Amino acid sequence: MNEMAGKVAVVTGSTRGIGRAIADALLKERFRVVVTARTARDVEERVDAYQKEFPGCVTGFPCDVRKYEQVQNLMAHTVETFGGLDVLVNNAGVGGFGNVDTLPIEKWQECIETNLTGVFYCCRIAIPLMRQRGGGYIFNISSLAGKNAFPGATAYNASKFGLNGFSEALMQEVRYDNIKVSYIAPGSVDTQFGGRGTPKAGWALLPEDIARVVVDLLRHDPRSLPSYVEIRPSKPPKKS
């Protein structure tokens, strides 16, 4: 018996990259999945593709997680369509790369508001819905950059350092509501994230590796909680 069958998940930023891989994996586990991203056309195209393989198990709703009202509408659509919420995957994220003295203010704001404030908005609305279901699971997709700072990434580092602290505190706040919180910190993943191209092919993680972690945690025995998971390429290029 598949205990995940019929459960409901919202995956933010799920039209490409890590989010899409997580949505793929959850649908294969017979979840009902809400696909969401900022661009309506991307959401529509992804939902259309999924409906062919998983009819009746997927819906889509465009949402900019920086906008609280849009997040409210996303969660309302989830409840109206599937009756509730069991799993939230906060995956939507952007890069904010550039030195402090040259980084555009708008880039700083976009990075912090998407990677951190957006997670707060989603969790704030999702938690009461999970309590109504008797519990749930929140996954926050962080990064090794949340522990390892590097120059040119002050905005991104700040957002992920903040996300880690947020996740730790949230985990303690909701654990007795039967709501689990795990934050997953990948190293280099072979995606187009940050507009930096794909020079990592052949050695980097794949989005499916992160999705596998999410599914494994959902199957994990409830008596223990792997609250923080680092996953990195096993053989990155040697430093000269």
Protein backbone atom coordinates (compact mmCIF):
# COMPACT_ATOMS: atom_id res chain seq x y z
CA MET A 1 0.00 0.00 0.00
CA ASN A 2 1.34 3.42 -0.97
CA GLU A 3 0.75 5.74 1.99
CA MET A 4 1.51 8.76 -0.20
CA ALA A 5 -1.26 8.07 -2.71
CA GLY A 6 -3.83 10.83 -2.78
CA LYS A 7 -1.91 13.27 -0.60
CA VAL A 8 -1.64 16.87 -1.76
CA ALA A 9 1.58 18.79 -2.38
CA VAL A 10 2.37 22.33 -3.46
CA VAL A 11 5.78 22.68 -5.12
CA THR A 12 6.87 26.25 -5.79
CA GLY A 13 9.08 26.92 -8.77
CA SER A 14 8.06 23.60 -10.28
CA THR A 15 8.14 24.23 -14.02
CA ARG A 16 11.87 23.55 -14.35
CA GLY A 17 14.99 22.35 -12.58
CA ILE A 18 14.81 20.96 -9.06
CA GLY A 19 11.17 21.90 -8.58
CA ARG A 20 10.09 20.09 -11.71
CA ALA A 21 12.04 16.98 -10.69
CA ILE A 22 10.34 17.02 -7.29
CA ALA A 23 6.91 17.39 -8.89
CA ASP A 24 7.76 14.49 -11.23
CA ALA A 25 8.75 12.29 -8.30
CA LEU A 26 5.69 13.11 -6.21
CA LEU A 27 3.33 12.43 -9.09
CA LYS A 28 4.98 9.04 -9.60
CA GLU A 29 4.22 8.37 -5.92
CA ARG A 30 0.56 9.17 -6.71
CA PHE A 31 0.49 12.54 -4.99
CA ARG A 32 -1.86 15.20 -6.23
CA VAL A 33 0.42 18.10 -7.10
CA VAL A 34 -0.05 21.84 -7.53
CA VAL A 35 2.45 23.22 -10.03
CA THR A 36 3.32 26.86 -9.59
CA ALA A 37 5.76 29.44 -10.90
CA ARG A 38 5.67 33.12 -11.77
CA THR A 39 4.99 32.72 -15.50
CA ALA A 40 1.46 31.61 -16.36
CA ARG A 41 2.46 30.14 -19.72
CA ASP A 42 5.16 27.97 -18.13
CA VAL A 43 2.65 26.66 -15.58
CA GLU A 44 0.06 25.92 -18.25
CA GLU A 45 2.54 24.06 -20.46
CA ARG A 46 3.83 21.94 -17.58
CA VAL A 47 0.33 21.05 -16.39
CA ASP A 48 -0.72 20.09 -19.91
CA ALA A 49 2.28 17.77 -20.18
CA TYR A 50 1.53 16.18 -16.82
CA GLN A 51 -2.16 15.66 -17.51
CA LYS A 52 -1.31 13.19 -20.27
CA GLU A 53 0.50 10.91 -17.83
CA PHE A 54 -1.22 11.78 -14.55
CA PRO A 55 -4.81 12.77 -15.42
CA GLY A 56 -6.71 14.33 -12.56
CA CYS A 57 -3.67 14.46 -10.29
CA VAL A 58 -2.25 17.85 -11.18
CA THR A 59 -3.36 21.45 -11.27
CA GLY A 60 -1.48 24.66 -11.85
CA PHE A 61 -1.63 28.16 -10.47
CA PRO A 62 0.72 31.04 -11.35
CA CYS A 63 2.17 32.68 -8.24
CA ASP A 64 4.93 35.11 -7.39
CA VAL A 65 5.82 34.06 -3.85
CA ARG A 66 6.99 37.61 -3.12
CA LYS A 67 3.33 38.69 -3.17
CA TYR A 68 1.39 37.62 -0.09
CA GLU A 69 -2.00 37.91 -1.78
CA GLN A 70 -0.85 35.67 -4.62
CA VAL A 71 0.32 33.06 -2.11
CA GLN A 72 -3.07 33.24 -0.40
CA ASN A 73 -4.75 32.65 -3.75
CA LEU A 74 -2.43 29.73 -4.49
CA MET A 75 -3.30 27.99 -1.24
CA ALA A 76 -7.01 28.72 -1.68
CA HIS A 77 -6.85 27.14 -5.14
CA THR A 78 -5.14 24.10 -3.64
CA VAL A 79 -7.89 23.61 -1.07
CA GLU A 80 -10.66 24.23 -3.58
CA THR A 81 -9.18 21.75 -6.07
CA PHE A 82 -7.83 18.97 -3.85
CA GLY A 83 -9.45 19.56 -0.45
CA GLY A 84 -6.41 20.40 1.64
CA LEU A 85 -2.62 20.42 1.88
CA ASP A 86 -0.22 17.78 3.18
CA VAL A 87 3.19 18.74 1.78
CA LEU A 88 4.77 22.08 0.92
CA VAL A 89 8.03 22.24 -1.02
CA ASN A 90 9.51 25.72 -0.94
CA ASN A 91 11.75 25.51 -3.97
CA ALA A 92 11.22 28.82 -5.78
CA GLY A 93 14.49 30.71 -5.75
CA VAL A 94 16.63 33.20 -7.60
CA GLY A 95 20.31 34.09 -7.58
CA GLY A 96 21.59 37.44 -6.39
CA PHE A 97 25.15 37.60 -7.60
CA GLY A 98 27.41 40.65 -7.58
CA ASN A 99 29.59 42.57 -5.17
CA VAL A 100 27.84 44.78 -2.63
CA ASP A 101 29.06 48.04 -4.12
CA THR A 102 27.72 47.19 -7.59
CA LEU A 103 24.76 44.90 -6.92
CA PRO A 104 21.54 46.62 -8.04
CA ILE A 105 19.19 47.24 -5.14
CA GLU A 106 16.42 45.55 -7.11
CA LYS A 107 18.50 42.36 -7.34
CA TRP A 108 19.04 42.34 -3.57
CA GLN A 109 15.33 42.79 -2.96
CA GLU A 110 14.34 40.10 -5.47
CA CYS A 111 16.73 37.58 -3.92
CA ILE A 112 15.75 38.17 -0.29
CA GLU A 113 12.04 38.45 -1.02
CA THR A 114 11.94 35.29 -3.15
CA ASN A 115 14.32 33.02 -1.26
CA LEU A 116 13.34 34.01 2.26
CA THR A 117 10.23 36.16 2.53
CA GLY A 118 8.40 33.99 0.01
CA VAL A 119 9.10 30.93 2.14
CA PHE A 120 7.70 32.73 5.18
CA TYR A 121 4.53 33.64 3.26
CA CYS A 122 4.00 30.08 2.04
CA CYS A 123 4.60 28.55 5.46
CA ARG A 124 2.42 31.09 7.24
CA ILE A 125 -0.58 30.14 5.15
CA ALA A 126 0.18 26.43 4.82
CA ILE A 127 0.62 25.62 8.52
CA PRO A 128 -3.06 26.11 9.52
CA LEU A 129 -4.08 23.98 6.52
CA MET A 130 -1.74 21.19 7.64
CA ARG A 131 -3.06 21.39 11.18
CA GLN A 132 -6.54 20.80 9.79
CA ARG A 133 -5.22 17.56 8.22
CA GLY A 134 -3.56 16.42 11.45
CA GLY A 135 -0.03 17.16 10.27
CA GLY A 136 2.16 17.59 7.23
CA TYR A 137 5.66 18.09 5.90
CA ILE A 138 7.47 21.26 4.86
CA PHE A 139 10.60 21.05 2.72
CA ASN A 140 12.75 24.14 2.26
CA ILE A 141 15.27 23.88 -0.55
CA SER A 142 18.36 25.69 0.69
CA SER A 143 21.95 25.44 -0.57
CA LEU A 144 25.47 24.77 0.64
CA ALA A 145 25.73 28.53 0.19
CA GLY A 146 23.67 28.73 3.38
CA LYS A 147 26.77 27.66 5.31
CA ASN A 148 29.61 28.56 2.98
CA ALA A 149 29.90 32.21 2.01
CA PHE A 150 31.76 33.24 -1.11
CA PRO A 151 32.50 36.62 -2.69
CA GLY A 152 30.03 37.98 -5.17
CA ALA A 153 27.11 36.21 -3.50
CA THR A 154 26.21 38.41 -0.55
CA ALA A 155 22.51 38.51 -1.41
CA TYR A 156 22.30 34.79 -2.17
CA ASN A 157 24.36 33.83 0.89
CA ALA A 158 22.23 36.07 3.11
CA SER A 159 19.00 34.56 1.79
CA LYS A 160 20.16 30.97 2.32
CA PHE A 161 21.82 31.60 5.71
CA GLY A 162 18.51 33.17 6.71
CA LEU A 163 16.50 30.28 5.30
CA ASN A 164 18.52 27.82 7.37
CA GLY A 165 17.84 29.73 10.58
CA PHE A 166 14.19 30.13 9.67
CA SER A 167 13.89 26.40 9.04
CA GLU A 168 15.52 25.46 12.34
CA ALA A 169 13.17 27.68 14.32
CA LEU A 170 10.11 26.60 12.35
CA MET A 171 10.92 22.94 12.89
CA GLN A 172 10.77 23.51 16.66
CA GLU A 173 7.59 25.58 16.45
CA VAL A 174 5.45 23.02 14.63
CA ARG A 175 6.87 19.63 15.61
CA TYR A 176 4.09 18.98 18.15
CA ASP A 177 1.48 19.68 15.49
CA ASN A 178 2.79 16.62 13.63
CA ILE A 179 4.29 18.93 11.01
CA LYS A 180 7.82 18.01 10.00
CA VAL A 181 10.31 20.49 8.61
CA SER A 182 13.42 19.52 6.67
CA TYR A 183 15.74 21.78 4.77
CA ILE A 184 17.86 20.34 2.01
CA ALA A 185 21.15 21.94 1.00
CA PRO A 186 22.42 20.84 -2.41
CA GLY A 187 25.83 21.59 -3.79
CA SER A 188 26.28 22.18 -7.51
CA VAL A 189 23.26 21.01 -9.49
CA ASP A 190 23.24 20.78 -13.29
CA THR A 191 20.56 23.37 -14.03
CA GLN A 192 20.37 26.82 -15.60
CA PHE A 193 19.96 28.41 -12.14
CA GLY A 194 21.37 31.91 -11.86
CA GLY A 195 21.87 32.25 -15.60
CA ARG A 196 25.35 30.80 -15.34
CA GLY A 197 24.93 28.15 -18.03
CA THR A 198 25.69 24.47 -17.55
CA PRO A 199 29.46 23.96 -17.35
CA LYS A 200 28.95 21.29 -14.68
CA ALA A 201 27.61 18.46 -16.84
CA GLY A 202 29.14 15.12 -16.01
CA TRP A 203 30.02 15.70 -12.39
CA ALA A 204 27.30 17.83 -10.82
CA LEU A 205 24.18 16.63 -9.06
CA LEU A 206 21.05 16.17 -11.13
CA PRO A 207 17.69 17.65 -10.11
CA GLU A 208 16.45 14.07 -9.73
CA ASP A 209 18.98 13.54 -6.92
CA ILE A 210 17.27 16.23 -4.86
CA ALA A 211 13.83 14.83 -5.67
CA ARG A 212 14.96 11.42 -4.44
CA VAL A 213 15.91 12.94 -1.09
CA VAL A 214 12.43 14.44 -0.73
CA VAL A 215 10.73 11.11 -1.42
CA ASP A 216 13.10 9.26 0.92
CA LEU A 217 12.33 11.72 3.73
CA LEU A 218 8.61 11.27 3.19
CA ARG A 219 9.13 7.54 3.67
CA HIS A 220 11.38 7.98 6.71
CA ASP A 221 10.22 6.45 10.00
CA PRO A 222 8.31 9.17 11.91
CA ARG A 223 10.13 8.53 15.17
CA SER A 224 13.13 10.49 13.89
CA LEU A 225 13.54 13.58 11.76
CA PRO A 226 16.47 14.30 9.42
CA SER A 227 15.94 18.04 9.72
CA TYR A 228 18.98 19.12 7.69
CA VAL A 229 20.34 17.23 4.71
CA GLU A 230 23.44 18.19 2.74
CA ILE A 231 23.86 16.59 -0.65
CA ARG A 232 26.85 17.28 -2.85
CA PRO A 233 28.59 15.86 -5.91
CA SER A 234 30.64 12.85 -4.92
CA LYS A 235 33.53 13.73 -7.23
CA PRO A 236 33.69 17.43 -8.12
CA PRO A 237 36.66 18.69 -10.13
CA LYS A 238 39.85 18.69 -8.10
CA LYS A 239 41.09 22.10 -7.10
CA SER A 240 44.46 22.87 -8.64
